[in-house]
Amino acid sequence: MKNSLLLIGLLAMTISSCGLKGSGETVAGPQLLTVEFTGAMDSTIQNSKGKAKLLAVPADVADVEATVIDEVEFETNEIPFSVEFEIPVDHVSKIKPEIVEGAPVKYYISMDWDSNADGIQDSTDVMIDFDKQFPHVDITQLHQQVFVK
């Protein structure tokens, strides 16, 4: 009798623990991508608030508008600085034009920052250095760099 009650108790605990987090099941959640903006700081930063975007486009399609995957507001007074983008699990399904599953996707970073606080975003502000490197990122890597000037 004791053995059967013990067996029933163990069986009940085993069944009730199925599907709990940490029981071996993987729980899909958003992925974080850290992007470090690095480069020479040529001027003083007057406006510390800016915005960075993670964008995606189908790799095999030209001249299409990029899809915003995540947009992050940042605040900094120095270079280098880092921002973290949250990549939703289903982000590929949101890319327009629609792509088939497994099709290649290009990801890149854009930045909007009136760093000198003159009310105009132009060449006198901190900006992505396209001459040094286009701001492509690989979302399978945890840490990426984008060059600014």
C-alpha atoms as a PDB file:
ATOM      1  CA  MET A   1       0.000   0.000   0.000  1.00  0.00           C
ATOM      2  CA  LYS A   2       2.790   2.418   0.936  1.00  0.00           C
ATOM      3  CA  ASN A   3       4.643   1.624  -2.294  1.00  0.00           C
ATOM      4  CA  SER A   4       1.577   2.236  -4.447  1.00  0.00           C
ATOM      5  CA  LEU A   5       0.883   5.603  -2.726  1.00  0.00           C
ATOM      6  CA  LEU A   6       4.513   6.582  -3.204  1.00  0.00           C
ATOM      7  CA  LEU A   7       4.376   5.557  -6.860  1.00  0.00           C
ATOM      8  CA  ILE A   8       1.140   7.511  -7.419  1.00  0.00           C
ATOM      9  CA  GLY A   9       2.652  10.591  -5.715  1.00  0.00           C
ATOM     10  CA  LEU A  10       5.796  10.468  -7.862  1.00  0.00           C
ATOM     11  CA  LEU A  11       3.722   9.970 -11.003  1.00  0.00           C
ATOM     12  CA  ALA A  12       1.514  12.963 -10.111  1.00  0.00           C
ATOM     13  CA  MET A  13       4.566  15.199  -9.529  1.00  0.00           C
ATOM     14  CA  THR A  14       6.143  14.097 -12.792  1.00  0.00           C
ATOM     15  CA  ILE A  15       3.005  14.786 -14.802  1.00  0.00           C
ATOM     16  CA  SER A  16       2.349  18.148 -13.128  1.00  0.00           C
ATOM     17  CA  SER A  17       5.898  19.370 -13.806  1.00  0.00           C
ATOM     18  CA  CYS A  18       5.681  18.756 -17.562  1.00  0.00           C
ATOM     19  CA  GLY A  19       5.920  21.989 -19.535  1.00  0.00           C
ATOM     20  CA  LEU A  20       7.221  24.132 -16.695  1.00  0.00           C
ATOM     21  CA  LYS A  21       9.973  26.607 -17.454  1.00  0.00           C
ATOM     22  CA  GLY A  22      13.326  25.018 -16.689  1.00  0.00           C
ATOM     23  CA  SER A  23      12.040  21.519 -17.310  1.00  0.00           C
ATOM     24  CA  GLY A  24      14.078  21.180 -20.497  1.00  0.00           C
ATOM     25  CA  GLU A  25      11.620  23.039 -22.730  1.00  0.00           C
ATOM     26  CA  THR A  26      12.998  26.057 -24.525  1.00  0.00           C
ATOM     27  CA  VAL A  27      10.985  29.235 -24.160  1.00  0.00           C
ATOM     28  CA  ALA A  28      11.258  31.468 -27.222  1.00  0.00           C
ATOM     29  CA  GLY A  29      11.620  35.157 -26.483  1.00  0.00           C
ATOM     30  CA  PRO A  30      13.024  38.269 -28.070  1.00  0.00           C
ATOM     31  CA  GLN A  31      16.726  38.352 -28.848  1.00  0.00           C
ATOM     32  CA  LEU A  32      18.908  41.272 -27.778  1.00  0.00           C
ATOM     33  CA  LEU A  33      21.479  42.783 -30.132  1.00  0.00           C
ATOM     34  CA  THR A  34      24.056  45.197 -28.726  1.00  0.00           C
ATOM     35  CA  VAL A  35      25.445  47.738 -31.172  1.00  0.00           C
ATOM     36  CA  GLU A  36      28.426  49.868 -30.208  1.00  0.00           C
ATOM     37  CA  PHE A  37      28.776  53.198 -31.978  1.00  0.00           C
ATOM     38  CA  THR A  38      32.476  53.987 -32.122  1.00  0.00           C
ATOM     39  CA  GLY A  39      34.751  56.539 -33.751  1.00  0.00           C
ATOM     40  CA  ALA A  40      36.616  59.768 -33.182  1.00  0.00           C
ATOM     41  CA  MET A  41      34.797  62.448 -31.218  1.00  0.00           C
ATOM     42  CA  ASP A  42      35.597  65.649 -33.121  1.00  0.00           C
ATOM     43  CA  SER A  43      33.172  68.014 -31.432  1.00  0.00           C
ATOM     44  CA  THR A  44      31.364  68.546 -28.170  1.00  0.00           C
ATOM     45  CA  ILE A  45      27.960  66.917 -27.896  1.00  0.00           C
ATOM     46  CA  GLN A  46      25.366  69.590 -27.057  1.00  0.00           C
ATOM     47  CA  ASN A  47      22.242  67.412 -27.427  1.00  0.00           C
ATOM     48  CA  SER A  48      22.654  64.041 -25.717  1.00  0.00           C
ATOM     49  CA  LYS A  49      19.374  62.555 -27.014  1.00  0.00           C
ATOM     50  CA  GLY A  50      19.196  60.616 -30.268  1.00  0.00           C
ATOM     51  CA  LYS A  51      17.463  57.702 -31.928  1.00  0.00           C
ATOM     52  CA  ALA A  52      18.825  54.536 -33.547  1.00  0.00           C
ATOM     53  CA  LYS A  53      16.907  52.043 -35.676  1.00  0.00           C
ATOM     54  CA  LEU A  54      17.468  48.428 -36.636  1.00  0.00           C
ATOM     55  CA  LEU A  55      16.147  47.930 -40.173  1.00  0.00           C
ATOM     56  CA  ALA A  56      15.699  44.878 -42.395  1.00  0.00           C
ATOM     57  CA  VAL A  57      15.258  44.308 -46.130  1.00  0.00           C
ATOM     58  CA  PRO A  58      15.010  41.162 -48.237  1.00  0.00           C
ATOM     59  CA  ALA A  59      18.566  40.488 -49.432  1.00  0.00           C
ATOM     60  CA  ASP A  60      17.531  39.611 -52.974  1.00  0.00           C
ATOM     61  CA  VAL A  61      15.282  42.624 -53.656  1.00  0.00           C
ATOM     62  CA  ALA A  62      16.545  46.070 -54.679  1.00  0.00           C
ATOM     63  CA  ASP A  63      14.991  49.480 -54.124  1.00  0.00           C
ATOM     64  CA  VAL A  64      12.472  48.649 -51.423  1.00  0.00           C
ATOM     65  CA  GLU A  65      11.704  50.535 -48.250  1.00  0.00           C
ATOM     66  CA  ALA A  66      13.315  48.945 -45.206  1.00  0.00           C
ATOM     67  CA  THR A  67      11.200  47.557 -42.370  1.00  0.00           C
ATOM     68  CA  VAL A  68      11.887  48.934 -38.890  1.00  0.00           C
ATOM     69  CA  ILE A  69      12.538  45.992 -36.566  1.00  0.00           C
ATOM     70  CA  ASP A  70      13.270  48.087 -33.470  1.00  0.00           C
ATOM     71  CA  GLU A  71      13.767  51.747 -32.609  1.00  0.00           C
ATOM     72  CA  VAL A  72      15.766  52.816 -29.559  1.00  0.00           C
ATOM     73  CA  GLU A  73      16.086  56.263 -28.030  1.00  0.00           C
ATOM     74  CA  PHE A  74      19.462  56.831 -26.440  1.00  0.00           C
ATOM     75  CA  GLU A  75      21.144  59.473 -24.331  1.00  0.00           C
ATOM     76  CA  THR A  76      24.905  59.930 -24.286  1.00  0.00           C
ATOM     77  CA  ASN A  77      27.561  62.630 -23.995  1.00  0.00           C
ATOM     78  CA  GLU A  78      30.451  60.561 -25.319  1.00  0.00           C
ATOM     79  CA  ILE A  79      31.620  58.236 -28.032  1.00  0.00           C
ATOM     80  CA  PRO A  80      31.803  55.241 -27.945  1.00  0.00           C
ATOM     81  CA  PHE A  81      28.359  54.321 -26.645  1.00  0.00           C
ATOM     82  CA  SER A  82      26.141  51.263 -26.976  1.00  0.00           C
ATOM     83  CA  VAL A  83      22.453  50.618 -27.548  1.00  0.00           C
ATOM     84  CA  GLU A  84      20.486  47.385 -27.275  1.00  0.00           C
ATOM     85  CA  PHE A  85      17.938  46.413 -29.890  1.00  0.00           C
ATOM     86  CA  GLU A  86      15.189  43.910 -29.133  1.00  0.00           C
ATOM     87  CA  ILE A  87      14.573  41.538 -32.031  1.00  0.00           C
ATOM     88  CA  PRO A  88      11.143  39.885 -31.801  1.00  0.00           C
ATOM     89  CA  VAL A  89      10.974  36.166 -32.528  1.00  0.00           C
ATOM     90  CA  ASP A  90       8.528  36.770 -35.394  1.00  0.00           C
ATOM     91  CA  HIS A  91      10.326  39.782 -36.910  1.00  0.00           C
ATOM     92  CA  VAL A  92      10.860  38.076 -40.301  1.00  0.00           C
ATOM     93  CA  SER A  93       7.084  37.818 -40.815  1.00  0.00           C
ATOM     94  CA  LYS A  94       6.841  41.631 -40.501  1.00  0.00           C
ATOM     95  CA  ILE A  95       9.359  42.389 -43.280  1.00  0.00           C
ATOM     96  CA  LYS A  96       7.783  43.959 -46.367  1.00  0.00           C
ATOM     97  CA  PRO A  97       7.731  42.932 -49.125  1.00  0.00           C
ATOM     98  CA  GLU A  98       7.000  39.503 -47.689  1.00  0.00           C
ATOM     99  CA  ILE A  99       9.744  36.946 -47.919  1.00  0.00           C
ATOM    100  CA  VAL A 100       9.617  33.178 -47.951  1.00  0.00           C
ATOM    101  CA  GLU A 101      10.848  31.339 -44.899  1.00  0.00           C
ATOM    102  CA  GLY A 102      14.611  30.871 -44.994  1.00  0.00           C
ATOM    103  CA  ALA A 103      15.207  33.637 -47.559  1.00  0.00           C
ATOM    104  CA  PRO A 104      18.240  35.846 -46.841  1.00  0.00           C
ATOM    105  CA  VAL A 105      17.656  39.130 -45.015  1.00  0.00           C
ATOM    106  CA  LYS A 106      20.007  42.128 -44.701  1.00  0.00           C
ATOM    107  CA  TYR A 107      19.995  44.077 -41.451  1.00  0.00           C
ATOM    108  CA  TYR A 108      21.456  47.513 -40.924  1.00  0.00           C
ATOM    109  CA  ILE A 109      21.449  50.445 -38.514  1.00  0.00           C
ATOM    110  CA  SER A 110      20.360  54.046 -38.996  1.00  0.00           C
ATOM    111  CA  MET A 111      20.767  56.964 -36.614  1.00  0.00           C
ATOM    112  CA  ASP A 112      18.902  60.264 -36.160  1.00  0.00           C
ATOM    113  CA  TRP A 113      20.815  62.635 -33.903  1.00  0.00           C
ATOM    114  CA  ASP A 114      21.064  66.409 -33.840  1.00  0.00           C
ATOM    115  CA  SER A 115      24.152  66.164 -31.637  1.00  0.00           C
ATOM    116  CA  ASN A 116      25.124  69.836 -31.903  1.00  0.00           C
ATOM    117  CA  ALA A 117      21.565  71.000 -31.017  1.00  0.00           C
ATOM    118  CA  ASP A 118      21.283  73.451 -33.908  1.00  0.00           C
ATOM    119  CA  GLY A 119      17.878  72.082 -34.972  1.00  0.00           C
ATOM    120  CA  ILE A 120      19.217  70.565 -38.218  1.00  0.00           C
ATOM    121  CA  GLN A 121      20.617  67.094 -38.841  1.00  0.00           C
ATOM    122  CA  ASP A 122      23.529  67.647 -41.183  1.00  0.00           C
ATOM    123  CA  SER A 123      27.234  66.922 -41.658  1.00  0.00           C
ATOM    124  CA  THR A 124      28.144  68.918 -38.532  1.00  0.00           C
ATOM    125  CA  ASP A 125      26.396  66.333 -36.322  1.00  0.00           C
ATOM    126  CA  VAL A 126      27.656  62.943 -35.187  1.00  0.00           C
ATOM    127  CA  MET A 127      26.583  60.556 -37.939  1.00  0.00           C
ATOM    128  CA  ILE A 128      27.249  57.073 -39.284  1.00  0.00           C
ATOM    129  CA  ASP A 129      30.567  56.944 -41.163  1.00  0.00           C
ATOM    130  CA  PHE A 130      29.497  55.375 -44.478  1.00  0.00           C
ATOM    131  CA  ASP A 131      32.990  56.061 -45.887  1.00  0.00           C
ATOM    132  CA  LYS A 132      34.536  53.713 -43.352  1.00  0.00           C
ATOM    133  CA  GLN A 133      31.910  50.945 -43.430  1.00  0.00           C
ATOM    134  CA  PHE A 134      28.232  50.498 -44.296  1.00  0.00           C
ATOM    135  CA  PRO A 135      26.303  49.827 -41.058  1.00  0.00           C
ATOM    136  CA  HIS A 136      25.297  46.226 -41.816  1.00  0.00           C
ATOM    137  CA  VAL A 137      24.853  44.030 -38.761  1.00  0.00           C
ATOM    138  CA  ASP A 138      24.680  40.278 -38.263  1.00  0.00           C
ATOM    139  CA  ILE A 139      21.870  39.515 -35.810  1.00  0.00           C
ATOM    140  CA  THR A 140      23.384  36.126 -35.002  1.00  0.00           C
ATOM    141  CA  GLN A 141      26.282  37.930 -33.280  1.00  0.00           C
ATOM    142  CA  LEU A 142      25.647  39.376 -29.824  1.00  0.00           C
ATOM    143  CA  HIS A 143      27.826  42.482 -30.255  1.00  0.00           C
ATOM    144  CA  GLN A 144      28.282  44.619 -33.378  1.00  0.00           C
ATOM    145  CA  GLN A 145      30.106  47.864 -34.167  1.00  0.00           C
ATOM    146  CA  VAL A 146      28.991  50.796 -36.265  1.00  0.00           C
ATOM    147  CA  PHE A 147      31.456  53.587 -37.037  1.00  0.00           C
ATOM    148  CA  VAL A 148      30.482  57.232 -36.544  1.00  0.00           C
ATOM    149  CA  LYS A 149      32.193  60.503 -37.397  1.00  0.00           C
END
